[in-house]
């Protein structure tokens, strides 16, 4: 009777592949042009563009300035914390310890969440005649624009396998 947990030396354990070997200098040089860079600033820029377009559409369609302001504030409740988060992460990108980088990620994400909540709580005091539905629409559409931005930012490139 065979033991499902017993493996011969060199066999895959639990479907895991054997440890990979580091790339040579030549292999890394061939791979580098195929990699796609990631910029949080481009994502934020596209979110801002989508937020502005939504404000313009709401204002033109509804002819209600209060609705347009509410949509704009909803977009700002996404953008301002995102800018702070991206700035905080890019400033610490030179951190040598991976643990410190992970702690920084959690700290800046916590700051982003708190700032977002504070902006939403302050909305009725900042916007006269606030329309919560319009604010929510601006918030959600601007936040979801990040997916669109990341799709645009990462075009499919040739296979990353090194020959």
N, C-alpha and C. Protein backbone atom coordinates (compact mmCIF):
# COMPACT_ATOMS: atom_id res chain seq x y z
N UNK A 1 0.85 -1.17 0.00
CA UNK A 1 0.00 0.00 0.00
C UNK A 1 0.89 1.24 0.00
N UNK A 2 0.62 2.16 -0.90
CA UNK A 2 1.48 3.34 -1.00
C UNK A 2 0.99 4.45 -0.08
N UNK A 3 1.91 5.15 0.49
CA UNK A 3 1.61 6.26 1.39
C UNK A 3 1.56 7.54 0.56
N UNK A 4 0.42 8.27 0.55
CA UNK A 4 0.33 9.47 -0.29
C UNK A 4 1.26 10.59 0.17
N UNK A 5 1.75 10.51 1.39
CA UNK A 5 2.63 11.56 1.90
C UNK A 5 4.10 11.22 1.73
N UNK A 6 4.40 10.01 1.30
CA UNK A 6 5.77 9.60 1.12
C UNK A 6 6.19 9.90 -0.30
N UNK A 7 7.31 10.55 -0.46
CA UNK A 7 7.82 10.83 -1.79
C UNK A 7 9.28 10.44 -1.87
N UNK A 8 9.68 10.09 -3.04
CA UNK A 8 11.09 9.79 -3.29
C UNK A 8 11.84 11.12 -3.37
N UNK A 9 13.12 11.09 -3.17
CA UNK A 9 13.94 12.30 -3.26
C UNK A 9 13.80 12.91 -4.65
N UNK A 10 13.55 14.20 -4.73
CA UNK A 10 13.43 14.90 -5.99
C UNK A 10 12.02 14.97 -6.53
N UNK A 11 11.07 14.23 -5.92
CA UNK A 11 9.68 14.29 -6.37
C UNK A 11 9.05 15.60 -5.93
N UNK A 12 8.01 16.02 -6.67
CA UNK A 12 7.24 17.19 -6.25
C UNK A 12 6.48 16.86 -4.98
N UNK A 13 6.45 17.77 -4.04
CA UNK A 13 5.71 17.59 -2.81
C UNK A 13 4.47 18.46 -2.89
N UNK A 14 3.30 17.87 -2.75
CA UNK A 14 2.02 18.59 -2.79
C UNK A 14 1.87 19.42 -4.06
N UNK A 15 2.42 18.93 -5.17
CA UNK A 15 2.24 19.62 -6.44
C UNK A 15 3.13 20.84 -6.61
N UNK A 16 4.03 21.09 -5.66
CA UNK A 16 4.92 22.24 -5.77
C UNK A 16 6.06 21.92 -6.71
N UNK A 17 6.47 22.90 -7.46
CA UNK A 17 7.58 22.71 -8.37
C UNK A 17 8.89 22.79 -7.59
N UNK A 18 9.93 22.16 -8.10
CA UNK A 18 11.22 22.28 -7.43
C UNK A 18 11.69 23.74 -7.43
N UNK A 19 12.59 24.04 -6.54
CA UNK A 19 13.09 25.41 -6.41
C UNK A 19 13.68 25.88 -7.73
N UNK A 20 13.39 27.14 -8.10
CA UNK A 20 13.89 27.66 -9.37
C UNK A 20 15.29 28.20 -9.20
N UNK A 21 16.00 28.25 -10.31
CA UNK A 21 17.37 28.77 -10.28
C UNK A 21 17.35 30.24 -10.65
N UNK A 22 18.28 31.01 -10.13
CA UNK A 22 18.34 32.44 -10.48
C UNK A 22 18.69 32.61 -11.96
N UNK A 23 18.22 33.73 -12.51
CA UNK A 23 18.52 34.03 -13.91
C UNK A 23 19.97 34.45 -14.06
N UNK A 24 20.53 34.13 -15.20
CA UNK A 24 21.87 34.64 -15.51
C UNK A 24 21.72 36.08 -15.97
N UNK A 25 22.83 36.77 -16.09
CA UNK A 25 22.81 38.17 -16.53
C UNK A 25 22.17 38.28 -17.92
N UNK A 26 22.52 37.35 -18.81
CA UNK A 26 21.98 37.39 -20.17
C UNK A 26 20.47 37.12 -20.18
N UNK A 27 20.02 36.14 -19.37
CA UNK A 27 18.60 35.83 -19.30
C UNK A 27 17.81 37.03 -18.75
N UNK A 28 18.36 37.68 -17.72
CA UNK A 28 17.70 38.86 -17.15
C UNK A 28 17.64 40.00 -18.16
N UNK A 29 18.70 40.17 -18.94
CA UNK A 29 18.73 41.23 -19.96
C UNK A 29 17.68 40.97 -21.04
N UNK A 30 17.45 39.70 -21.38
CA UNK A 30 16.42 39.37 -22.37
C UNK A 30 15.01 39.57 -21.81
N UNK A 31 14.83 39.35 -20.51
CA UNK A 31 13.53 39.44 -19.88
C UNK A 31 13.11 40.88 -19.59
N UNK A 32 14.09 41.73 -19.27
CA UNK A 32 13.80 43.10 -18.84
C UNK A 32 12.92 43.90 -19.81
N UNK A 33 13.13 43.86 -21.12
CA UNK A 33 12.26 44.65 -22.02
C UNK A 33 10.82 44.13 -22.08
N UNK A 34 10.59 42.89 -21.67
CA UNK A 34 9.24 42.33 -21.72
C UNK A 34 8.41 42.69 -20.50
N UNK A 35 9.06 43.17 -19.45
CA UNK A 35 8.35 43.52 -18.22
C UNK A 35 7.62 44.85 -18.39
N UNK A 36 6.46 44.94 -17.79
CA UNK A 36 5.66 46.16 -17.87
C UNK A 36 5.80 46.91 -16.56
N UNK A 37 6.13 48.19 -16.63
CA UNK A 37 6.25 49.01 -15.43
C UNK A 37 4.88 49.35 -14.87
N UNK A 38 4.84 49.63 -13.59
CA UNK A 38 3.58 49.99 -12.94
C UNK A 38 3.75 51.34 -12.28
N UNK A 39 2.83 52.26 -12.58
CA UNK A 39 2.87 53.58 -11.98
C UNK A 39 1.54 53.87 -11.28
N UNK A 40 1.57 54.01 -9.94
CA UNK A 40 0.33 54.37 -9.26
C UNK A 40 -0.16 55.75 -9.67
N UNK A 41 0.75 56.61 -10.12
CA UNK A 41 0.36 57.97 -10.50
C UNK A 41 -0.47 57.95 -11.78
N UNK A 42 -0.18 57.03 -12.67
CA UNK A 42 -1.00 56.92 -13.87
C UNK A 42 -2.41 56.45 -13.53
N UNK A 43 -2.50 55.49 -12.61
CA UNK A 43 -3.81 55.00 -12.17
C UNK A 43 -4.60 56.15 -11.55
N UNK A 44 -3.96 56.92 -10.68
CA UNK A 44 -4.64 58.05 -10.04
C UNK A 44 -5.03 59.10 -11.07
N UNK A 45 -4.19 59.32 -12.06
CA UNK A 45 -4.52 60.28 -13.12
C UNK A 45 -5.74 59.85 -13.91
N UNK A 46 -5.83 58.58 -14.23
CA UNK A 46 -7.00 58.08 -14.97
C UNK A 46 -8.24 58.16 -14.08
N UNK A 47 -8.09 57.85 -12.79
CA UNK A 47 -9.23 57.99 -11.88
C UNK A 47 -9.70 59.45 -11.83
N UNK A 48 -8.77 60.37 -11.79
CA UNK A 48 -9.13 61.79 -11.77
C UNK A 48 -9.84 62.19 -13.05
N UNK A 49 -9.36 61.71 -14.18
CA UNK A 49 -10.00 62.00 -15.46
C UNK A 49 -11.43 61.45 -15.49
N UNK A 50 -11.60 60.23 -15.02
CA UNK A 50 -12.94 59.63 -14.98
C UNK A 50 -13.85 60.44 -14.04
N UNK A 51 -13.31 60.85 -12.89
CA UNK A 51 -14.10 61.66 -11.96
C UNK A 51 -14.53 62.99 -12.57
N UNK A 52 -13.61 63.65 -13.27
CA UNK A 52 -13.95 64.92 -13.93
C UNK A 52 -14.99 64.73 -15.04
N UNK A 53 -14.83 63.67 -15.81
CA UNK A 53 -15.81 63.38 -16.86
C UNK A 53 -17.19 63.11 -16.26
N UNK A 54 -17.23 62.39 -15.16
CA UNK A 54 -18.51 62.10 -14.51
C UNK A 54 -19.17 63.37 -13.99
N UNK A 55 -18.37 64.26 -13.41
CA UNK A 55 -18.90 65.55 -12.94
C UNK A 55 -19.50 66.32 -14.11
N UNK A 56 -18.77 66.39 -15.23
CA UNK A 56 -19.25 67.12 -16.40
C UNK A 56 -20.54 66.50 -16.95
N UNK A 57 -20.59 65.18 -17.03
CA UNK A 57 -21.78 64.51 -17.55
C UNK A 57 -22.98 64.76 -16.64
N UNK A 58 -22.78 64.62 -15.34
CA UNK A 58 -23.88 64.84 -14.40
C UNK A 58 -24.37 66.27 -14.47
N UNK A 59 -23.46 67.23 -14.56
CA UNK A 59 -23.84 68.64 -14.62
C UNK A 59 -24.60 68.94 -15.93
N UNK A 60 -24.09 68.41 -17.04
CA UNK A 60 -24.75 68.67 -18.33
C UNK A 60 -26.11 67.99 -18.43
N UNK A 61 -26.20 66.77 -17.94
CA UNK A 61 -27.46 66.01 -18.07
C UNK A 61 -28.52 66.50 -17.09
N UNK A 62 -28.09 66.74 -15.83
CA UNK A 62 -29.09 67.09 -14.81
C UNK A 62 -29.31 68.59 -14.66
N UNK A 63 -28.32 69.39 -15.06
CA UNK A 63 -28.36 70.84 -14.86
C UNK A 63 -28.50 71.19 -13.38
N UNK A 64 -28.00 70.31 -12.52
CA UNK A 64 -28.03 70.51 -11.07
C UNK A 64 -26.60 70.67 -10.56
N UNK A 65 -26.22 71.87 -10.18
CA UNK A 65 -24.88 72.12 -9.68
C UNK A 65 -24.62 71.34 -8.39
N UNK A 66 -25.62 71.21 -7.53
CA UNK A 66 -25.45 70.47 -6.27
C UNK A 66 -25.13 69.01 -6.54
N UNK A 67 -25.73 68.42 -7.57
CA UNK A 67 -25.44 67.03 -7.91
C UNK A 67 -24.01 66.90 -8.43
N UNK A 68 -23.60 67.84 -9.26
CA UNK A 68 -22.23 67.81 -9.80
C UNK A 68 -21.21 67.98 -8.68
N UNK A 69 -21.49 68.88 -7.73
CA UNK A 69 -20.58 69.04 -6.59
C UNK A 69 -20.52 67.76 -5.76
N UNK A 70 -21.65 67.10 -5.58
CA UNK A 70 -21.69 65.86 -4.81
C UNK A 70 -20.89 64.77 -5.50
N UNK A 71 -21.03 64.65 -6.81
CA UNK A 71 -20.24 63.67 -7.57
C UNK A 71 -18.76 64.00 -7.46
N UNK A 72 -18.42 65.27 -7.61
CA UNK A 72 -17.02 65.69 -7.50
C UNK A 72 -16.43 65.40 -6.13
N UNK A 73 -17.21 65.63 -5.08
CA UNK A 73 -16.71 65.35 -3.74
C UNK A 73 -16.55 63.84 -3.54
N UNK A 74 -17.44 63.06 -4.11
CA UNK A 74 -17.28 61.60 -4.04
C UNK A 74 -16.00 61.16 -4.72
N UNK A 75 -15.70 61.76 -5.86
CA UNK A 75 -14.45 61.45 -6.56
C UNK A 75 -13.24 61.88 -5.74
N UNK A 76 -13.33 63.06 -5.12
CA UNK A 76 -12.23 63.53 -4.28
C UNK A 76 -12.01 62.65 -3.06
N UNK A 77 -13.09 62.04 -2.55
CA UNK A 77 -12.96 61.14 -1.40
C UNK A 77 -12.20 59.88 -1.76
N UNK A 78 -12.06 59.60 -3.04
CA UNK A 78 -11.22 58.50 -3.50
C UNK A 78 -9.82 59.02 -3.82
N UNK A 79 -9.74 60.15 -4.52
CA UNK A 79 -8.47 60.64 -5.05
C UNK A 79 -7.52 61.18 -3.99
N UNK A 80 -8.01 61.98 -3.06
CA UNK A 80 -7.12 62.58 -2.06
C UNK A 80 -6.43 61.50 -1.21
N UNK A 81 -7.17 60.53 -0.66
CA UNK A 81 -6.49 59.47 0.08
C UNK A 81 -5.56 58.62 -0.80
N UNK A 82 -5.94 58.41 -2.05
CA UNK A 82 -5.10 57.62 -2.96
C UNK A 82 -3.77 58.33 -3.24
N UNK A 83 -3.83 59.64 -3.40
CA UNK A 83 -2.60 60.42 -3.63
C UNK A 83 -1.70 60.33 -2.40
N UNK A 84 -2.28 60.48 -1.23
CA UNK A 84 -1.49 60.37 0.00
C UNK A 84 -0.88 58.98 0.14
N UNK A 85 -1.65 57.95 -0.15
CA UNK A 85 -1.18 56.56 -0.09
C UNK A 85 -0.02 56.34 -1.07
N UNK A 86 -0.20 56.78 -2.31
CA UNK A 86 0.84 56.59 -3.32
C UNK A 86 2.11 57.36 -2.95
N UNK A 87 1.94 58.57 -2.46
CA UNK A 87 3.11 59.37 -2.05
C UNK A 87 3.85 58.69 -0.90
N UNK A 88 3.10 58.19 0.07
CA UNK A 88 3.74 57.51 1.19
C UNK A 88 4.48 56.26 0.76
N UNK A 89 3.90 55.49 -0.13
CA UNK A 89 4.56 54.27 -0.58
C UNK A 89 5.76 54.55 -1.46
N UNK A 90 5.69 55.54 -2.33
CA UNK A 90 6.83 55.83 -3.19
C UNK A 90 7.99 56.43 -2.39
N UNK A 91 7.69 57.13 -1.31
CA UNK A 91 8.76 57.68 -0.48
C UNK A 91 9.50 56.59 0.26
N UNK A 92 8.82 55.50 0.57
CA UNK A 92 9.48 54.42 1.31
C UNK A 92 9.94 53.30 0.39
N UNK A 93 9.87 53.49 -0.92
CA UNK A 93 10.23 52.43 -1.86
C UNK A 93 11.69 52.02 -1.74
N UNK A 94 12.52 52.83 -1.17
CA UNK A 94 13.92 52.50 -1.00
C UNK A 94 14.21 51.72 0.27
N UNK A 95 13.18 51.33 1.00
CA UNK A 95 13.37 50.59 2.25
C UNK A 95 14.07 49.28 1.95
N UNK A 96 15.13 49.01 2.71
CA UNK A 96 15.91 47.81 2.45
C UNK A 96 15.29 46.57 3.09
N UNK A 97 14.58 46.72 4.18
CA UNK A 97 14.00 45.57 4.86
C UNK A 97 12.59 45.30 4.34
N UNK A 98 12.33 44.09 3.87
CA UNK A 98 10.98 43.79 3.37
C UNK A 98 9.91 43.93 4.46
N UNK A 99 10.26 43.62 5.69
CA UNK A 99 9.30 43.75 6.79
C UNK A 99 8.88 45.20 6.98
N UNK A 100 9.83 46.11 6.87
CA UNK A 100 9.52 47.54 7.02
C UNK A 100 8.62 48.01 5.88
N UNK A 101 8.87 47.51 4.68
CA UNK A 101 8.03 47.88 3.54
C UNK A 101 6.60 47.37 3.74
N UNK A 102 6.46 46.17 4.28
CA UNK A 102 5.13 45.61 4.52
C UNK A 102 4.39 46.39 5.61
N UNK A 103 5.10 46.76 6.66
CA UNK A 103 4.49 47.57 7.72
C UNK A 103 4.07 48.93 7.15
N UNK A 104 4.93 49.52 6.33
CA UNK A 104 4.59 50.79 5.69
C UNK A 104 3.35 50.69 4.83
N UNK A 105 3.22 49.59 4.10
CA UNK A 105 2.03 49.37 3.28
C UNK A 105 0.78 49.37 4.14
N UNK A 106 0.82 48.65 5.26
CA UNK A 106 -0.35 48.59 6.13
C UNK A 106 -0.64 49.94 6.79
N UNK A 107 0.39 50.65 7.18
CA UNK A 107 0.20 51.96 7.81
C UNK A 107 -0.44 52.93 6.82
N UNK A 108 0.10 52.99 5.60
CA UNK A 108 -0.44 53.92 4.62
C UNK A 108 -1.84 53.53 4.18
N UNK A 109 -2.13 52.23 4.13
CA UNK A 109 -3.49 51.79 3.81
C UNK A 109 -4.46 52.20 4.92
N UNK A 110 -4.02 52.08 6.17
CA UNK A 110 -4.84 52.50 7.31
C UNK A 110 -5.11 54.01 7.25
N UNK A 111 -4.07 54.78 6.95
CA UNK A 111 -4.22 56.23 6.82
C UNK A 111 -5.21 56.55 5.69
N UNK A 112 -5.11 55.83 4.58
CA UNK A 112 -6.02 56.05 3.45
C UNK A 112 -7.47 55.77 3.85
N UNK A 113 -7.70 54.69 4.56
CA UNK A 113 -9.07 54.34 4.98
C UNK A 113 -9.62 55.39 5.94
N UNK A 114 -8.82 55.79 6.92
CA UNK A 114 -9.27 56.79 7.90
C UNK A 114 -9.58 58.12 7.21
N UNK A 115 -8.71 58.55 6.30
CA UNK A 115 -8.95 59.81 5.59
C UNK A 115 -10.21 59.73 4.73
N UNK A 116 -10.43 58.60 4.07
CA UNK A 116 -11.64 58.42 3.28
C UNK A 116 -12.88 58.54 4.16
N UNK A 117 -12.87 57.86 5.30
CA UNK A 117 -14.01 57.93 6.22
C UNK A 117 -14.24 59.35 6.73
N UNK A 118 -13.16 60.03 7.08
CA UNK A 118 -13.29 61.41 7.55
C UNK A 118 -13.88 62.32 6.47
N UNK A 119 -13.45 62.13 5.24
CA UNK A 119 -13.98 62.95 4.16
C UNK A 119 -15.47 62.67 3.94
N UNK A 120 -15.87 61.41 4.03
CA UNK A 120 -17.29 61.08 3.85
C UNK A 120 -18.13 61.61 5.00
N UNK A 121 -17.60 61.56 6.22
CA UNK A 121 -18.34 62.10 7.37
C UNK A 121 -18.46 63.62 7.26
N UNK A 122 -17.42 64.26 6.73
CA UNK A 122 -17.43 65.72 6.61
C UNK A 122 -18.24 66.22 5.42
N UNK A 123 -18.65 65.35 4.54
CA UNK A 123 -19.34 65.75 3.31
C UNK A 123 -20.53 66.68 3.53
N UNK A 124 -21.43 66.39 4.47
CA UNK A 124 -22.58 67.30 4.63
C UNK A 124 -22.19 68.71 5.06
N UNK A 125 -21.07 68.86 5.72
CA UNK A 125 -20.62 70.19 6.14
C UNK A 125 -19.89 70.93 5.03
N UNK A 126 -19.31 70.16 4.10
CA UNK A 126 -18.52 70.77 3.03
C UNK A 126 -19.39 71.13 1.83
N UNK A 127 -20.35 70.27 1.50
CA UNK A 127 -21.19 70.47 0.31
C UNK A 127 -22.60 70.87 0.74
N UNK A 128 -23.01 72.07 0.35
CA UNK A 128 -24.39 72.50 0.60
C UNK A 128 -25.31 71.72 -0.34
N UNK A 129 -26.48 71.35 0.12
CA UNK A 129 -27.44 70.57 -0.66
C UNK A 129 -26.82 69.27 -1.18
N UNK A 130 -26.14 68.57 -0.29
CA UNK A 130 -25.47 67.32 -0.66
C UNK A 130 -26.48 66.29 -1.12
N UNK A 131 -26.17 65.63 -2.22
CA UNK A 131 -26.97 64.52 -2.71
C UNK A 131 -26.14 63.26 -2.50
N UNK A 132 -26.55 62.44 -1.53
CA UNK A 132 -25.77 61.27 -1.15
C UNK A 132 -25.67 60.26 -2.29
N UNK A 133 -26.73 60.12 -3.08
CA UNK A 133 -26.69 59.18 -4.19
C UNK A 133 -25.66 59.61 -5.23
N UNK A 134 -25.61 60.90 -5.53
CA UNK A 134 -24.62 61.41 -6.48
C UNK A 134 -23.22 61.27 -5.91
N UNK A 135 -23.05 61.54 -4.61
CA UNK A 135 -21.74 61.37 -3.98
C UNK A 135 -21.29 59.91 -4.08
N UNK A 136 -22.20 59.00 -3.79
CA UNK A 136 -21.88 57.58 -3.86
C UNK A 136 -21.52 57.17 -5.29
N UNK A 137 -22.24 57.70 -6.26
CA UNK A 137 -21.93 57.39 -7.66
C UNK A 137 -20.53 57.88 -8.03
N UNK A 138 -20.20 59.09 -7.64
CA UNK A 138 -18.86 59.61 -7.91
C UNK A 138 -17.78 58.80 -7.22
N UNK A 139 -18.06 58.39 -6.00
CA UNK A 139 -17.11 57.60 -5.22
C UNK A 139 -16.87 56.24 -5.88
N UNK A 140 -17.95 55.53 -6.19
CA UNK A 140 -17.83 54.17 -6.73
C UNK A 140 -17.23 54.17 -8.13
N UNK A 141 -17.71 55.05 -8.99
CA UNK A 141 -17.20 55.08 -10.36
C UNK A 141 -15.72 55.44 -10.38
N UNK A 142 -15.32 56.41 -9.57
CA UNK A 142 -13.90 56.80 -9.51
C UNK A 142 -13.05 55.67 -8.95
N UNK A 143 -13.55 55.01 -7.92
CA UNK A 143 -12.78 53.90 -7.33
C UNK A 143 -12.64 52.75 -8.32
N UNK A 144 -13.70 52.42 -9.03
CA UNK A 144 -13.66 51.31 -9.98
C UNK A 144 -12.87 51.66 -11.24
N UNK A 145 -12.63 52.91 -11.48
CA UNK A 145 -11.82 53.31 -12.64
C UNK A 145 -10.39 52.82 -12.50
N UNK A 146 -9.97 52.47 -11.30
CA UNK A 146 -8.61 51.95 -11.12
C UNK A 146 -8.43 50.63 -11.88
N UNK A 147 -9.49 49.83 -11.98
CA UNK A 147 -9.39 48.57 -12.74
C UNK A 147 -9.19 48.87 -14.21
N UNK A 148 -9.91 49.83 -14.71
CA UNK A 148 -9.76 50.23 -16.10
C UNK A 148 -8.35 50.77 -16.34
N UNK A 149 -7.87 51.57 -15.40
CA UNK A 149 -6.53 52.14 -15.53
C UNK A 149 -5.46 51.06 -15.54
N UNK A 150 -5.62 50.06 -14.68
CA UNK A 150 -4.62 48.99 -14.64
C UNK A 150 -4.67 48.13 -15.90
N UNK A 151 -5.86 47.94 -16.48
CA UNK A 151 -5.95 47.21 -17.74
C UNK A 151 -5.26 47.97 -18.87
N UNK A 152 -5.47 49.29 -18.90
CA UNK A 152 -4.80 50.10 -19.92
C UNK A 152 -3.31 50.14 -19.70
N UNK A 153 -2.89 50.12 -18.46
CA UNK A 153 -1.47 50.25 -18.13
C UNK A 153 -0.70 48.97 -18.43
N UNK A 154 -1.36 47.83 -18.40
CA UNK A 154 -0.67 46.56 -18.58
C UNK A 154 -1.12 45.87 -19.86
N UNK A 155 -0.65 46.37 -21.00
CA UNK A 155 -1.00 45.68 -22.25
C UNK A 155 -0.34 44.31 -22.27
N UNK A 156 -0.97 43.40 -22.98
CA UNK A 156 -0.38 42.06 -23.05
C UNK A 156 0.89 42.14 -23.87
N UNK A 157 1.93 41.59 -23.31
CA UNK A 157 3.21 41.56 -24.01
C UNK A 157 3.50 40.13 -24.41
N UNK A 158 4.56 39.95 -25.13
CA UNK A 158 4.98 38.60 -25.54
C UNK A 158 5.23 37.76 -24.29
N UNK A 159 5.26 36.48 -24.47
CA UNK A 159 5.47 35.55 -23.37
C UNK A 159 6.73 35.92 -22.61
N UNK A 160 6.69 35.75 -21.29
CA UNK A 160 7.84 36.10 -20.46
C UNK A 160 8.82 34.95 -20.30
N UNK A 161 8.64 33.87 -21.00
CA UNK A 161 9.56 32.75 -20.85
C UNK A 161 10.89 33.09 -21.52
N UNK A 162 11.95 32.69 -20.89
CA UNK A 162 13.28 32.93 -21.41
C UNK A 162 13.75 31.68 -22.09
N UNK A 163 14.22 31.79 -23.32
CA UNK A 163 14.67 30.61 -24.06
C UNK A 163 16.09 30.28 -23.73
